[in-house]
PDB file of N, CA and C in Angstrom:
ATOM      1  N   MET A   1      21.679 -53.518  24.538  1.00  0.00           N
ATOM      2  CA  MET A   1      22.444 -54.725  24.324  1.00  0.00           C
ATOM      3  C   MET A   1      22.131 -55.282  22.943  1.00  0.00           C
ATOM      4  N   ALA A   2      23.146 -55.669  22.202  1.00  0.00           N
ATOM      5  CA  ALA A   2      22.947 -56.273  20.895  1.00  0.00           C
ATOM      6  C   ALA A   2      22.363 -57.667  21.061  1.00  0.00           C
ATOM      7  N   GLY A   3      21.672 -58.112  20.039  1.00  0.00           N
ATOM      8  CA  GLY A   3      21.102 -59.454  20.076  1.00  0.00           C
ATOM      9  C   GLY A   3      22.188 -60.516  19.982  1.00  0.00           C
ATOM     10  N   HIS A   4      21.838 -61.708  20.394  1.00  0.00           N
ATOM     11  CA  HIS A   4      22.803 -62.811  20.339  1.00  0.00           C
ATOM     12  C   HIS A   4      22.981 -63.306  18.904  1.00  0.00           C
ATOM     13  N   THR A   5      24.010 -64.092  18.690  1.00  0.00           N
ATOM     14  CA  THR A   5      24.247 -64.696  17.384  1.00  0.00           C
ATOM     15  C   THR A   5      23.084 -65.627  17.083  1.00  0.00           C
ATOM     16  N   PRO A   6      22.449 -65.455  15.924  1.00  0.00           N
ATOM     17  CA  PRO A   6      21.284 -66.291  15.613  1.00  0.00           C
ATOM     18  C   PRO A   6      21.635 -67.774  15.570  1.00  0.00           C
ATOM     19  N   GLY A   7      20.691 -68.597  15.964  1.00  0.00           N
ATOM     20  CA  GLY A   7      20.847 -70.046  15.872  1.00  0.00           C
ATOM     21  C   GLY A   7      20.474 -70.511  14.477  1.00  0.00           C
ATOM     22  N   PRO A   8      20.541 -71.768  14.207  1.00  0.00           N
ATOM     23  CA  PRO A   8      20.919 -72.789  15.163  1.00  0.00           C
ATOM     24  C   PRO A   8      22.422 -72.814  15.396  1.00  0.00           C
ATOM     25  N   TRP A   9      22.800 -73.280  16.581  1.00  0.00           N
ATOM     26  CA  TRP A   9      24.206 -73.464  16.916  1.00  0.00           C
ATOM     27  C   TRP A   9      24.494 -74.953  16.957  1.00  0.00           C
ATOM     28  N   ASP A  10      25.743 -75.310  16.799  1.00  0.00           N
ATOM     29  CA  ASP A  10      26.160 -76.704  16.860  1.00  0.00           C
ATOM     30  C   ASP A  10      27.460 -76.780  17.639  1.00  0.00           C
ATOM     31  N   ASN A  11      27.835 -77.969  18.046  1.00  0.00           N
ATOM     32  CA  ASN A  11      29.125 -78.117  18.725  1.00  0.00           C
ATOM     33  C   ASN A  11      30.005 -79.078  17.942  1.00  0.00           C
ATOM     34  N   GLU A  12      31.298 -78.778  17.917  1.00  0.00           N
ATOM     35  CA  GLU A  12      32.263 -79.621  17.225  1.00  0.00           C
ATOM     36  C   GLU A  12      33.487 -79.802  18.114  1.00  0.00           C
ATOM     37  N   ASN A  13      34.068 -80.961  18.049  1.00  0.00           N
ATOM     38  CA  ASN A  13      35.224 -81.284  18.875  1.00  0.00           C
ATOM     39  C   ASN A  13      36.485 -81.218  18.029  1.00  0.00           C
ATOM     40  N   LYS A  14      37.490 -80.490  18.490  1.00  0.00           N
ATOM     41  CA  LYS A  14      38.800 -80.407  17.838  1.00  0.00           C
ATOM     42  C   LYS A  14      39.831 -80.912  18.833  1.00  0.00           C
ATOM     43  N   ALA A  15      40.424 -82.051  18.556  1.00  0.00           N
ATOM     44  CA  ALA A  15      41.375 -82.642  19.492  1.00  0.00           C
ATOM     45  C   ALA A  15      42.781 -82.606  18.921  1.00  0.00           C
ATOM     46  N   GLY A  16      43.725 -82.357  19.783  1.00  0.00           N
ATOM     47  CA  GLY A  16      45.130 -82.383  19.412  1.00  0.00           C
ATOM     48  C   GLY A  16      45.957 -82.863  20.585  1.00  0.00           C
ATOM     49  N   ASP A  17      47.253 -82.922  20.406  1.00  0.00           N
ATOM     50  CA  ASP A  17      48.124 -83.366  21.483  1.00  0.00           C
ATOM     51  C   ASP A  17      48.206 -82.344  22.610  1.00  0.00           C
ATOM     52  N   LEU A  18      48.248 -81.067  22.255  1.00  0.00           N
ATOM     53  CA  LEU A  18      48.436 -80.021  23.265  1.00  0.00           C
ATOM     54  C   LEU A  18      47.129 -79.578  23.907  1.00  0.00           C
ATOM     55  N   ALA A  19      46.077 -79.580  23.150  1.00  0.00           N
ATOM     56  CA  ALA A  19      44.814 -79.084  23.683  1.00  0.00           C
ATOM     57  C   ALA A  19      43.655 -79.745  22.970  1.00  0.00           C
ATOM     58  N   GLU A  20      42.537 -79.706  23.647  1.00  0.00           N
ATOM     59  CA  GLU A  20      41.311 -80.250  23.108  1.00  0.00           C
ATOM     60  C   GLU A  20      40.236 -79.184  23.298  1.00  0.00           C
ATOM     61  N   PHE A  21      39.483 -78.901  22.275  1.00  0.00           N
ATOM     62  CA  PHE A  21      38.468 -77.854  22.348  1.00  0.00           C
ATOM     63  C   PHE A  21      37.142 -78.360  21.830  1.00  0.00           C
ATOM     64  N   MET A  22      36.085 -77.841  22.401  1.00  0.00           N
ATOM     65  CA  MET A  22      34.763 -78.006  21.813  1.00  0.00           C
ATOM     66  C   MET A  22      34.335 -76.598  21.435  1.00  0.00           C
ATOM     67  N   TYR A  23      34.053 -76.399  20.172  1.00  0.00           N
ATOM     68  CA  TYR A  23      33.610 -75.101  19.687  1.00  0.00           C
ATOM     69  C   TYR A  23      32.109 -75.130  19.482  1.00  0.00           C
ATOM     70  N   ILE A  24      31.454 -74.074  19.909  1.00  0.00           N
ATOM     71  CA  ILE A  24      30.049 -73.870  19.610  1.00  0.00           C
ATOM     72  C   ILE A  24      30.045 -72.932  18.410  1.00  0.00           C
ATOM     73  N   THR A  25      29.424 -73.349  17.319  1.00  0.00           N
ATOM     74  CA  THR A  25      29.449 -72.566  16.090  1.00  0.00           C
ATOM     75  C   THR A  25      28.029 -72.242  15.636  1.00  0.00           C
ATOM     76  N   ASN A  26      27.907 -71.107  14.919  1.00  0.00           N
ATOM     77  CA  ASN A  26      26.603 -70.761  14.371  1.00  0.00           C
ATOM     78  C   ASN A  26      26.442 -71.461  13.030  1.00  0.00           C
ATOM     79  N   MET A  27      25.332 -71.197  12.344  1.00  0.00           N
ATOM     80  CA  MET A  27      25.049 -71.910  11.102  1.00  0.00           C
ATOM     81  C   MET A  27      26.032 -71.569   9.984  1.00  0.00           C
ATOM     82  N   ASP A  28      26.770 -70.461  10.118  1.00  0.00           N
ATOM     83  CA  ASP A  28      27.786 -70.089   9.130  1.00  0.00           C
ATOM     84  C   ASP A  28      29.166 -70.619   9.494  1.00  0.00           C
ATOM     85  N   GLY A  29      29.267 -71.351  10.600  1.00  0.00           N
ATOM     86  CA  GLY A  29      30.536 -71.892  11.045  1.00  0.00           C
ATOM     87  C   GLY A  29      31.341 -70.943  11.912  1.00  0.00           C
ATOM     88  N   ARG A  30      30.783 -69.770  12.215  1.00  0.00           N
ATOM     89  CA  ARG A  30      31.479 -68.806  13.084  1.00  0.00           C
ATOM     90  C   ARG A  30      31.469 -69.323  14.515  1.00  0.00           C
ATOM     91  N   ARG A  31      32.612 -69.251  15.180  1.00  0.00           N
ATOM     92  CA  ARG A  31      32.706 -69.734  16.557  1.00  0.00           C
ATOM     93  C   ARG A  31      32.046 -68.750  17.517  1.00  0.00           C
ATOM     94  N   VAL A  32      31.140 -69.270  18.302  1.00  0.00           N
ATOM     95  CA  VAL A  32      30.399 -68.478  19.270  1.00  0.00           C
ATOM     96  C   VAL A  32      31.006 -68.644  20.662  1.00  0.00           C
ATOM     97  N   CYS A  33      31.538 -69.830  20.937  1.00  0.00           N
ATOM     98  CA  CYS A  33      32.027 -70.164  22.269  1.00  0.00           C
ATOM     99  C   CYS A  33      33.056 -71.287  22.136  1.00  0.00           C
ATOM    100  N   LYS A  34      33.965 -71.361  23.109  1.00  0.00           N
ATOM    101  CA  LYS A  34      34.954 -72.441  23.124  1.00  0.00           C
ATOM    102  C   LYS A  34      35.037 -73.006  24.528  1.00  0.00           C
ATOM    103  N   ILE A  35      34.959 -74.329  24.623  1.00  0.00           N
ATOM    104  CA  ILE A  35      35.179 -75.026  25.880  1.00  0.00           C
ATOM    105  C   ILE A  35      36.512 -75.727  25.713  1.00  0.00           C
ATOM    106  N   ALA A  36      37.452 -75.424  26.592  1.00  0.00           N
ATOM    107  CA  ALA A  36      38.822 -75.910  26.410  1.00  0.00           C
ATOM    108  C   ALA A  36      39.212 -76.919  27.475  1.00  0.00           C
ATOM    109  N   GLY A  37      40.012 -77.851  27.050  1.00  0.00           N
ATOM    110  CA  GLY A  37      40.637 -78.817  27.946  1.00  0.00           C
ATOM    111  C   GLY A  37      42.075 -78.958  27.490  1.00  0.00           C
ATOM    112  N   TYR A  38      42.798 -79.819  28.106  1.00  0.00           N
ATOM    113  CA  TYR A  38      44.179 -80.032  27.698  1.00  0.00           C
ATOM    114  C   TYR A  38      44.289 -81.350  26.978  1.00  0.00           C
ATOM    115  N   GLY A  39      45.249 -81.452  26.116  1.00  0.00           N
ATOM    116  CA  GLY A  39      45.412 -82.617  25.264  1.00  0.00           C
ATOM    117  C   GLY A  39      45.670 -83.901  26.027  1.00  0.00           C
ATOM    118  N   LYS A  40      45.796 -84.955  25.286  1.00  0.00           N
ATOM    119  CA  LYS A  40      45.920 -86.274  25.872  1.00  0.00           C
ATOM    120  C   LYS A  40      47.305 -86.565  26.442  1.00  0.00           C
ATOM    121  N   LYS A  41      48.322 -85.789  26.090  1.00  0.00           N
ATOM    122  CA  LYS A  41      49.665 -86.033  26.611  1.00  0.00           C
ATOM    123  C   LYS A  41      49.779 -85.502  28.036  1.00  0.00           C
ATOM    124  N   PRO A  42      50.038 -86.369  29.009  1.00  0.00           N
ATOM    125  CA  PRO A  42      50.066 -85.949  30.412  1.00  0.00           C
ATOM    126  C   PRO A  42      51.043 -84.829  30.725  1.00  0.00           C
ATOM    127  N   ARG A  43      52.131 -84.707  30.005  1.00  0.00           N
ATOM    128  CA  ARG A  43      53.121 -83.681  30.349  1.00  0.00           C
ATOM    129  C   ARG A  43      52.585 -82.266  30.180  1.00  0.00           C
ATOM    130  N   TYR A  44      51.486 -82.094  29.459  1.00  0.00           N
ATOM    131  CA  TYR A  44      50.913 -80.761  29.259  1.00  0.00           C
ATOM    132  C   TYR A  44      49.866 -80.426  30.312  1.00  0.00           C
ATOM    133  N   ARG A  45      49.620 -81.356  31.225  1.00  0.00           N
ATOM    134  CA  ARG A  45      48.618 -81.133  32.257  1.00  0.00           C
ATOM    135  C   ARG A  45      49.298 -80.970  33.610  1.00  0.00           C
ATOM    136  N   SER A  46      48.631 -80.278  34.496  1.00  0.00           N
ATOM    137  CA  SER A  46      49.128 -80.144  35.862  1.00  0.00           C
ATOM    138  C   SER A  46      47.934 -80.053  36.801  1.00  0.00           C
ATOM    139  N   ARG A  47      48.199 -80.014  38.092  1.00  0.00           N
ATOM    140  CA  ARG A  47      47.095 -79.893  39.053  1.00  0.00           C
ATOM    141  C   ARG A  47      46.367 -78.561  38.910  1.00  0.00           C
ATOM    142  N   GLN A  48      47.021 -77.553  38.368  1.00  0.00           N
ATOM    143  CA  GLN A  48      46.398 -76.229  38.234  1.00  0.00           C
ATOM    144  C   GLN A  48      45.548 -76.106  36.970  1.00  0.00           C
ATOM    145  N   THR A  49      45.685 -77.037  36.054  1.00  0.00           N
ATOM    146  CA  THR A  49      44.963 -76.931  34.794  1.00  0.00           C
ATOM    147  C   THR A  49      43.881 -77.989  34.698  1.00  0.00           C
ATOM    148  N   ASP A  50      42.940 -77.728  33.834  1.00  0.00           N
ATOM    149  CA  ASP A  50      41.867 -78.668  33.585  1.00  0.00           C
ATOM    150  C   ASP A  50      42.436 -79.909  32.918  1.00  0.00           C
ATOM    151  N   ASP A  51      41.756 -80.988  33.064  1.00  0.00           N
ATOM    152  CA  ASP A  51      42.164 -82.226  32.418  1.00  0.00           C
ATOM    153  C   ASP A  51      41.623 -82.226  30.989  1.00  0.00           C
ATOM    154  N   ILE A  52      41.696 -83.369  30.335  1.00  0.00           N
ATOM    155  CA  ILE A  52      41.124 -83.463  28.995  1.00  0.00           C
ATOM    156  C   ILE A  52      39.621 -83.242  29.095  1.00  0.00           C
ATOM    157  N   LEU A  53      38.997 -82.911  27.989  1.00  0.00           N
ATOM    158  CA  LEU A  53      37.549 -82.719  27.999  1.00  0.00           C
ATOM    159  C   LEU A  53      36.872 -83.998  28.467  1.00  0.00           C
ATOM    160  N   ASN A  54      35.823 -83.837  29.235  1.00  0.00           N
ATOM    161  CA  ASN A  54      35.137 -85.000  29.779  1.00  0.00           C
ATOM    162  C   ASN A  54      33.652 -84.956  29.428  1.00  0.00           C
ATOM    163  N   GLU A  55      32.887 -85.888  29.951  1.00  0.00           N
ATOM    164  CA  GLU A  55      31.458 -85.975  29.641  1.00  0.00           C
ATOM    165  C   GLU A  55      30.704 -84.715  30.065  1.00  0.00           C
ATOM    166  N   GLU A  56      31.085 -84.128  31.188  1.00  0.00           N
ATOM    167  CA  GLU A  56      30.423 -82.906  31.649  1.00  0.00           C
ATOM    168  C   GLU A  56      30.681 -81.758  30.668  1.00  0.00           C
ATOM    169  N   ASP A  57      31.912 -81.652  30.161  1.00  0.00           N
ATOM    170  CA  ASP A  57      32.230 -80.626  29.163  1.00  0.00           C
ATOM    171  C   ASP A  57      31.373 -80.810  27.917  1.00  0.00           C
ATOM    172  N   GLU A  58      31.234 -82.056  27.481  1.00  0.00           N
ATOM    173  CA  GLU A  58      30.413 -82.342  26.299  1.00  0.00           C
ATOM    174  C   GLU A  58      28.951 -81.999  26.551  1.00  0.00           C
ATOM    175  N   ALA A  59      28.448 -82.307  27.748  1.00  0.00           N
ATOM    176  CA  ALA A  59      27.069 -81.964  28.091  1.00  0.00           C
ATOM    177  C   ALA A  59      26.886 -80.449  28.138  1.00  0.00           C
ATOM    178  N   ASN A  60      27.871 -79.725  28.668  1.00  0.00           N
ATOM    179  CA  ASN A  60      27.808 -78.260  28.682  1.00  0.00           C
ATOM    180  C   ASN A  60      27.762 -77.720  27.258  1.00  0.00           C
ATOM    181  N   ALA A  61      28.577 -78.278  26.373  1.00  0.00           N
ATOM    182  CA  ALA A  61      28.594 -77.833  24.979  1.00  0.00           C
ATOM    183  C   ALA A  61      27.244 -78.075  24.314  1.00  0.00           C
ATOM    184  N   GLN A  62      26.624 -79.213  24.588  1.00  0.00           N
ATOM    185  CA  GLN A  62      25.308 -79.501  24.008  1.00  0.00           C
ATOM    186  C   GLN A  62      24.260 -78.514  24.514  1.00  0.00           C
ATOM    187  N   LEU A  63      24.304 -78.203  25.802  1.00  0.00           N
ATOM    188  CA  LEU A  63      23.359 -77.256  26.383  1.00  0.00           C
ATOM    189  C   LEU A  63      23.547 -75.861  25.785  1.00  0.00           C
ATOM    190  N   ILE A  64      24.794 -75.428  25.686  1.00  0.00           N
ATOM    191  CA  ILE A  64      25.081 -74.110  25.101  1.00  0.00           C
ATOM    192  C   ILE A  64      24.617 -74.060  23.652  1.00  0.00           C
ATOM    193  N   ALA A  65      24.878 -75.127  22.901  1.00  0.00           N
ATOM    194  CA  ALA A  65      24.478 -75.163  21.499  1.00  0.00           C
ATOM    195  C   ALA A  65      22.955 -75.090  21.344  1.00  0.00           C
ATOM    196  N   ALA A  66      22.221 -75.602  22.313  1.00  0.00           N
ATOM    197  CA  ALA A  66      20.758 -75.587  22.262  1.00  0.00           C
ATOM    198  C   ALA A  66      20.150 -74.267  22.737  1.00  0.00           C
ATOM    199  N   ALA A  67      20.957 -73.374  23.311  1.00  0.00           N
ATOM    200  CA  ALA A  67      20.442 -72.146  23.925  1.00  0.00           C
ATOM    201  C   ALA A  67      19.552 -71.300  23.014  1.00  0.00           C
ATOM    202  N   PRO A  68      19.936 -71.032  21.760  1.00  0.00           N
ATOM    203  CA  PRO A  68      19.051 -70.197  20.934  1.00  0.00           C
ATOM    204  C   PRO A  68      17.666 -70.810  20.728  1.00  0.00           C
ATOM    205  N   GLU A  69      17.621 -72.128  20.519  1.00  0.00           N
ATOM    206  CA  GLU A  69      16.325 -72.782  20.335  1.00  0.00           C
ATOM    207  C   GLU A  69      15.520 -72.793  21.624  1.00  0.00           C
ATOM    208  N   LEU A  70      16.191 -72.993  22.766  1.00  0.00           N
ATOM    209  CA  LEU A  70      15.488 -72.973  24.040  1.00  0.00           C
ATOM    210  C   LEU A  70      14.875 -71.601  24.312  1.00  0.00           C
ATOM    211  N   LEU A  71      15.634 -70.555  24.047  1.00  0.00           N
ATOM    212  CA  LEU A  71      15.116 -69.193  24.222  1.00  0.00           C
ATOM    213  C   LEU A  71      13.931 -68.950  23.304  1.00  0.00           C
ATOM    214  N   GLU A  72      14.060 -69.362  22.055  1.00  0.00           N
ATOM    215  CA  GLU A  72      12.970 -69.168  21.077  1.00  0.00           C
ATOM    216  C   GLU A  72      11.690 -69.870  21.533  1.00  0.00           C
ATOM    217  N   VAL A  73      11.814 -71.090  22.042  1.00  0.00           N
ATOM    218  CA  VAL A  73      10.646 -71.835  22.513  1.00  0.00           C
ATOM    219  C   VAL A  73      10.006 -71.135  23.714  1.00  0.00           C
ATOM    220  N   LEU A  74      10.821 -70.672  24.665  1.00  0.00           N
ATOM    221  CA  LEU A  74      10.260 -69.961  25.818  1.00  0.00           C
ATOM    222  C   LEU A  74       9.525 -68.694  25.385  1.00  0.00           C
ATOM    223  N   GLN A  75      10.119 -67.954  24.461  1.00  0.00           N
ATOM    224  CA  GLN A  75       9.461 -66.737  23.979  1.00  0.00           C
ATOM    225  C   GLN A  75       8.164 -67.066  23.238  1.00  0.00           C
ATOM    226  N   MET A  76       8.160 -68.157  22.504  1.00  0.00           N
ATOM    227  CA  MET A  76       6.963 -68.578  21.789  1.00  0.00           C
ATOM    228  C   MET A  76       5.854 -68.972  22.773  1.00  0.00           C
ATOM    229  N   ILE A  77       6.227 -69.742  23.791  1.00  0.00           N
ATOM    230  CA  ILE A  77       5.247 -70.148  24.810  1.00  0.00           C
ATOM    231  C   ILE A  77       4.666 -68.916  25.495  1.00  0.00           C
ATOM    232  N   LYS A  78       5.525 -67.956  25.810  1.00  0.00           N
ATOM    233  CA  LYS A  78       5.056 -66.734  26.484  1.00  0.00           C
ATOM    234  C   LYS A  78       4.075 -65.963  25.597  1.00  0.00           C
ATOM    235  N   ARG A  79       4.338 -65.935  24.292  1.00  0.00           N
ATOM    236  CA  ARG A  79       3.454 -65.203  23.370  1.00  0.00           C
ATOM    237  C   ARG A  79       2.103 -65.873  23.191  1.00  0.00           C
ATOM    238  N   VAL A  80       2.063 -67.188  23.115  1.00  0.00           N
ATOM    239  CA  VAL A  80       0.824 -67.867  22.725  1.00  0.00           C
ATOM    240  C   VAL A  80       0.042 -68.481  23.877  1.00  0.00           C
ATOM    241  N   THR A  81       0.637 -68.567  25.058  1.00  0.00           N
ATOM    242  CA  THR A  81      -0.043 -69.209  26.183  1.00  0.00           C
ATOM    243  C   THR A  81      -0.571 -68.155  27.143  1.00  0.00           C
ATOM    244  N   PRO A  82      -1.888 -68.166  27.383  1.00  0.00           N
ATOM    245  CA  PRO A  82      -2.425 -67.229  28.375  1.00  0.00           C
ATOM    246  C   PRO A  82      -1.803 -67.497  29.746  1.00  0.00           C
ATOM    247  N   ILE A  83      -1.559 -66.426  30.481  1.00  0.00           N
ATOM    248  CA  ILE A  83      -0.950 -66.554  31.808  1.00  0.00           C
ATOM    249  C   ILE A  83      -1.752 -67.511  32.684  1.00  0.00           C
ATOM    250  N   THR A  84      -3.056 -67.522  32.507  1.00  0.00           N
ATOM    251  CA  THR A  84      -3.914 -68.373  33.344  1.00  0.00           C
ATOM    252  C   THR A  84      -3.658 -69.857  33.120  1.00  0.00           C
ATOM    253  N   HIS A  85      -3.020 -70.228  32.022  1.00  0.00           N
ATOM    254  CA  HIS A  85      -2.753 -71.634  31.733  1.00  0.00           C
ATOM    255  C   HIS A  85      -1.448 -72.128  32.371  1.00  0.00           C
ATOM    256  N   LEU A  86      -0.679 -71.227  32.913  1.00  0.00           N
ATOM    257  CA  LEU A  86       0.573 -71.597  33.574  1.00  0.00           C
ATOM    258  C   LEU A  86       0.484 -71.223  35.041  1.00  0.00           C
ATOM    259  N   THR A  87       1.106 -72.004  35.887  1.00  0.00           N
ATOM    260  CA  THR A  87       1.122 -71.641  37.298  1.00  0.00           C
ATOM    261  C   THR A  87       1.982 -70.397  37.454  1.00  0.00           C
ATOM    262  N   GLY A  88       1.737 -69.636  38.497  1.00  0.00           N
ATOM    263  CA  GLY A  88       2.517 -68.426  38.744  1.00  0.00           C
ATOM    264  C   GLY A  88       4.002 -68.728  38.838  1.00  0.00           C
ATOM    265  N   ARG A  89       4.341 -69.824  39.478  1.00  0.00           N
ATOM    266  CA  ARG A  89       5.743 -70.207  39.644  1.00  0.00           C
ATOM    267  C   ARG A  89       6.384 -70.541  38.290  1.00  0.00           C
ATOM    268  N   CYS A  90       5.646 -71.261  37.455  1.00  0.00           N
ATOM    269  CA  CYS A  90       6.158 -71.636  36.134  1.00  0.00           C
ATOM    270  C   CYS A  90       6.319 -70.396  35.258  1.00  0.00           C
ATOM    271  N   TYR A  91       5.325 -69.533  35.260  1.00  0.00           N
ATOM    272  CA  TYR A  91       5.389 -68.315  34.445  1.00  0.00           C
ATOM    273  C   TYR A  91       6.534 -67.416  34.903  1.00  0.00           C
ATOM    274  N   SER A  92       6.682 -67.301  36.227  1.00  0.00           N
ATOM    275  CA  SER A  92       7.757 -66.484  36.782  1.00  0.00           C
ATOM    276  C   SER A  92       9.131 -67.046  36.394  1.00  0.00           C
ATOM    277  N   ALA A  93       9.289 -68.356  36.471  1.00  0.00           N
ATOM    278  CA  ALA A  93      10.556 -68.993  36.094  1.00  0.00           C
ATOM    279  C   ALA A  93      10.848 -68.769  34.614  1.00  0.00           C
ATOM    280  N   MET A  94       9.814 -68.845  33.790  1.00  0.00           N
ATOM    281  CA  MET A  94       9.970 -68.620  32.354  1.00  0.00           C
ATOM    282  C   MET A  94      10.403 -67.179  32.092  1.00  0.00           C
ATOM    283  N   GLU A  95       9.770 -66.224  32.730  1.00  0.00           N
ATOM    284  CA  GLU A  95      10.138 -64.816  32.555  1.00  0.00           C
ATOM    285  C   GLU A  95      11.570 -64.550  33.015  1.00  0.00           C
ATOM    286  N   LYS A  96      11.975 -65.150  34.143  1.00  0.00           N
ATOM    287  CA  LYS A  96      13.341 -64.969  34.638  1.00  0.00           C
ATOM    288  C   LYS A  96      14.361 -65.550  33.669  1.00  0.00           C
ATOM    289  N   ALA A  97      14.067 -66.719  33.117  1.00  0.00           N
ATOM    290  CA  ALA A  97      14.991 -67.351  32.173  1.00  0.00           C
ATOM    291  C   ALA A  97      15.127 -66.509  30.900  1.00  0.00           C
ATOM    292  N   ILE A  98      14.022 -65.989  30.399  1.00  0.00           N
ATOM    293  CA  ILE A  98      14.063 -65.135  29.207  1.00  0.00           C
ATOM    294  C   ILE A  98      14.866 -63.872  29.508  1.00  0.00           C
ATOM    295  N   ALA A  99      14.606 -63.253  30.661  1.00  0.00           N
ATOM    296  CA  ALA A  99      15.321 -62.034  31.036  1.00  0.00           C
ATOM    297  C   ALA A  99      16.820 -62.296  31.173  1.00  0.00           C
ATOM    298  N   LYS A 100      17.186 -63.414  31.756  1.00  0.00           N
ATOM    299  CA  LYS A 100      18.601 -63.758  31.908  1.00  0.00           C
ATOM    300  C   LYS A 100      19.256 -63.968  30.548  1.00  0.00           C
ATOM    301  N   ALA A 101      18.567 -64.662  29.652  1.00  0.00           N
ATOM    302  CA  ALA A 101      19.113 -64.947  28.337  1.00  0.00           C
ATOM    303  C   ALA A 101      19.230 -63.716  27.458  1.00  0.00           C
ATOM    304  N   THR A 102      18.377 -62.737  27.684  1.00  0.00           N
ATOM    305  CA  THR A 102      18.386 -61.535  26.851  1.00  0.00           C
ATOM    306  C   THR A 102      19.096 -60.347  27.502  1.00  0.00           C
ATOM    307  N   GLY A 103      19.619 -60.563  28.705  1.00  0.00           N
ATOM    308  CA  GLY A 103      20.344 -59.491  29.390  1.00  0.00           C
ATOM    309  C   GLY A 103      19.452 -58.486  30.076  1.00  0.00           C
ATOM    310  N   GLU A 104      18.184 -58.775  30.214  1.00  0.00           N
ATOM    311  CA  GLU A 104      17.248 -57.849  30.848  1.00  0.00           C
ATOM    312  C   GLU A 104      17.223 -57.992  32.365  1.00  0.00           C
ATOM    313  N   SER A 105      17.932 -58.976  32.907  1.00  0.00           N
ATOM    314  CA  SER A 105      17.866 -59.223  34.346  1.00  0.00           C
ATOM    315  C   SER A 105      18.930 -58.477  35.136  1.00  0.00           C
ATOM    316  N   ARG A 106      19.657 -57.597  34.511  1.00  0.00           N
ATOM    317  CA  ARG A 106      20.750 -56.871  35.193  1.00  0.00           C
ATOM    318  C   ARG A 106      20.234 -55.830  36.124  1.00  0.00           C
TER     319      ARG A 106
END
């Protein structure tokens, strides 16, 4: 598996009449991810489609944007902290999160 797009990542909001997007971008401005909603005009929305972006969408974008730094911190903690300093449950959760983020948990 190839490595992920290097961080830091940021999120930016692009709003229009037809659609509203939050883009997660890398430090070069390349789009890594898009969270989409529908624009502010009600005629473009229906029961089958998502509404305009909301607070939960914004929180998801912030979490996604922080992912590279979160992974880096977990890997750093794993490298420098003796296993004996972490509870088995905490260490196991950390290893699972790293494996999930790096694609090793498949």
